[in-house]
Amino acid sequence: MKNNRQAMVVTIIKEQVIGTQEELGEALKIKGVLVTQATLSRDIKELGLIKIPTPDGYYRYSLPQDRTPGDVLRRAQRMFQDAVISVDFAENIIVVKTTGGSAQGVADALDDLDWPEVVGTDAGDNTILMVIRNKETVSEVLKRFNQLRR
């Protein structure tokens, strides 16, 4: 639940101008997720959201522009440990099975890692398809996945 909710928060602030926790809570409510102010506050802190000025003189939530590689890696590890059920592959495609509703959040975390071997990801509700540049590098990506699970 937490990973899904936080992935939704990231999506919302990327797509909408959200200036307050109340507005963010309402946007989540529209998507069918009810949260308390305390939970929302924790999510904002854990995601490292910041407020940036808008052209009209207000402020909005944004992702920090200077996330360190360590921040990105820790998020991916947390998402992998919490939500990934299994990983399999065929040729140059890796299939990651997640708990229900977690695939998009996990895929977002994997995309943030920006591994050169990965052409792209596509996520459904509980399945992620990753296209790997060539089948010779699939084993390297799988090895990194094992490190994320530790």
Protein backbone atom coordinates (compact mmCIF):
# COMPACT_ATOMS: atom_id res chain seq x y z
CA MET A 1 0.00 0.00 0.00
CA LYS A 2 2.68 2.49 0.98
CA ASN A 3 4.69 1.97 -2.20
CA ASN A 4 1.58 2.30 -4.36
CA ARG A 5 0.47 5.43 -2.54
CA GLN A 6 3.88 7.03 -2.80
CA ALA A 7 4.06 6.18 -6.51
CA MET A 8 0.67 7.87 -6.92
CA VAL A 9 1.93 10.93 -5.05
CA VAL A 10 4.89 11.19 -7.43
CA THR A 11 2.63 10.83 -10.46
CA ILE A 12 0.19 13.44 -9.13
CA ILE A 13 2.85 16.07 -8.44
CA LYS A 14 4.39 15.48 -11.86
CA GLU A 15 1.04 15.93 -13.61
CA GLN A 16 -0.68 18.58 -11.47
CA VAL A 17 0.20 21.78 -9.63
CA ILE A 18 -0.24 20.77 -6.00
CA GLY A 19 0.58 23.41 -3.41
CA THR A 20 -0.73 22.01 -0.13
CA GLN A 21 -1.10 18.73 1.69
CA GLU A 22 -4.86 19.23 1.52
CA GLU A 23 -4.74 19.48 -2.28
CA LEU A 24 -2.56 16.38 -2.43
CA GLY A 25 -4.94 14.51 -0.14
CA GLU A 26 -7.87 15.48 -2.39
CA ALA A 27 -6.01 14.35 -5.51
CA LEU A 28 -5.34 10.98 -3.86
CA LYS A 29 -8.98 10.76 -2.76
CA ILE A 30 -10.08 11.22 -6.39
CA LYS A 31 -7.88 8.22 -7.22
CA GLY A 32 -9.59 6.23 -4.47
CA VAL A 33 -6.89 6.54 -1.79
CA LEU A 34 -7.84 7.98 1.59
CA VAL A 35 -4.95 9.13 3.79
CA THR A 36 -4.56 10.94 7.06
CA GLN A 37 -2.58 14.17 7.29
CA ALA A 38 0.10 12.36 9.32
CA THR A 39 0.51 9.66 6.65
CA LEU A 40 0.69 12.27 3.91
CA SER A 41 3.28 14.23 5.87
CA ARG A 42 5.43 11.09 6.28
CA ASP A 43 5.13 10.29 2.56
CA ILE A 44 6.23 13.82 1.64
CA LYS A 45 9.23 13.50 3.94
CA GLU A 46 10.21 10.01 2.74
CA LEU A 47 9.91 11.02 -0.91
CA GLY A 48 12.00 14.11 -0.21
CA LEU A 49 9.45 16.40 -1.85
CA ILE A 50 10.27 20.08 -1.92
CA LYS A 51 8.24 23.20 -2.65
CA ILE A 52 9.27 25.31 -5.61
CA PRO A 53 7.90 28.70 -6.72
CA THR A 54 5.39 28.88 -9.56
CA PRO A 55 5.30 31.72 -12.13
CA ASP A 56 2.19 33.16 -10.47
CA GLY A 57 3.86 33.61 -7.08
CA TYR A 58 2.62 30.48 -5.33
CA TYR A 59 4.48 27.30 -4.39
CA ARG A 60 4.01 23.71 -5.49
CA TYR A 61 5.39 20.30 -4.52
CA SER A 62 8.17 18.91 -6.67
CA LEU A 63 10.67 16.11 -6.64
CA PRO A 64 14.13 17.26 -5.62
CA GLN A 65 16.26 17.87 -8.68
CA ASP A 66 19.45 16.78 -7.00
CA ARG A 67 18.64 13.32 -5.68
CA THR A 68 21.85 11.46 -5.04
CA PRO A 69 22.50 8.06 -6.59
CA GLY A 70 22.32 6.67 -3.05
CA ASP A 71 18.78 8.06 -2.62
CA VAL A 72 17.68 6.46 -5.89
CA LEU A 73 19.30 3.14 -4.99
CA ARG A 74 17.76 3.06 -1.48
CA ARG A 75 14.30 3.72 -2.94
CA ALA A 76 14.74 0.91 -5.48
CA GLN A 77 15.94 -1.47 -2.77
CA ARG A 78 12.97 -0.64 -0.55
CA MET A 79 10.51 -1.06 -3.41
CA PHE A 80 12.11 -4.34 -4.49
CA GLN A 81 12.17 -5.79 -0.99
CA ASP A 82 8.59 -4.76 -0.24
CA ALA A 83 6.84 -5.57 -3.50
CA VAL A 84 8.73 -7.94 -5.83
CA ILE A 85 7.54 -11.55 -5.82
CA SER A 86 9.56 -13.04 -8.67
CA VAL A 87 11.82 -12.28 -11.61
CA ASP A 88 12.10 -14.32 -14.81
CA PHE A 89 13.38 -13.70 -18.33
CA ALA A 90 13.17 -14.81 -21.95
CA GLU A 91 15.82 -13.71 -24.42
CA ASN A 92 16.19 -9.95 -23.83
CA ILE A 93 12.98 -9.41 -21.83
CA ILE A 94 12.80 -9.56 -18.06
CA VAL A 95 9.43 -10.08 -16.35
CA VAL A 96 9.10 -8.81 -12.78
CA LYS A 97 6.03 -9.97 -10.81
CA THR A 98 4.96 -7.73 -7.93
CA THR A 99 2.26 -7.62 -5.33
CA GLY A 100 -1.03 -6.29 -6.67
CA GLY A 101 -0.92 -2.63 -7.62
CA SER A 102 2.83 -2.28 -7.03
CA ALA A 103 4.23 -2.69 -10.53
CA GLN A 104 4.11 0.98 -11.53
CA GLY A 105 5.90 2.12 -8.39
CA VAL A 106 8.60 -0.52 -8.76
CA ALA A 107 9.02 0.27 -12.47
CA ASP A 108 9.38 3.98 -11.65
CA ALA A 109 12.11 3.17 -9.12
CA LEU A 110 13.87 0.92 -11.66
CA ASP A 111 13.66 3.61 -14.34
CA ASP A 112 15.27 6.09 -11.94
CA LEU A 113 18.30 3.78 -11.67
CA ASP A 114 18.97 4.60 -15.35
CA TRP A 115 20.85 1.38 -16.09
CA PRO A 116 22.40 1.56 -19.58
CA GLU A 117 21.38 -2.04 -20.39
CA VAL A 118 17.67 -1.24 -19.99
CA VAL A 119 15.90 0.13 -23.05
CA GLY A 120 12.65 0.67 -21.14
CA THR A 121 9.98 -0.70 -18.85
CA ASP A 122 6.23 -1.16 -19.12
CA ALA A 123 4.17 -1.78 -16.00
CA GLY A 124 0.68 -3.07 -15.45
CA ASP A 125 -0.93 -3.76 -12.10
CA ASN A 126 1.35 -6.55 -10.91
CA THR A 127 3.74 -7.19 -13.81
CA ILE A 128 6.67 -5.26 -15.26
CA LEU A 129 8.19 -5.99 -18.66
CA MET A 130 11.75 -4.75 -19.06
CA VAL A 131 13.36 -4.66 -22.47
CA ILE A 132 17.09 -5.21 -22.20
CA ARG A 133 19.38 -3.88 -24.92
CA ASN A 134 20.71 -7.34 -25.76
CA LYS A 135 20.36 -10.81 -24.29
CA GLU A 136 24.04 -10.94 -23.34
CA THR A 137 23.49 -8.29 -20.65
CA VAL A 138 20.39 -9.85 -19.08
CA SER A 139 22.54 -11.75 -16.57
CA GLU A 140 24.10 -8.47 -15.37
CA VAL A 141 20.66 -6.92 -14.78
CA LEU A 142 19.49 -10.07 -12.95
CA LYS A 143 22.60 -9.91 -10.75
CA ARG A 144 21.73 -6.30 -9.83
CA PHE A 145 18.17 -7.38 -9.02
CA ASN A 146 19.55 -9.96 -6.58
CA GLN A 147 21.58 -7.21 -4.92
CA LEU A 148 18.44 -5.06 -4.58
CA ARG A 149 16.64 -7.89 -2.80
CA ARG A 150 19.24 -8.08 -0.01
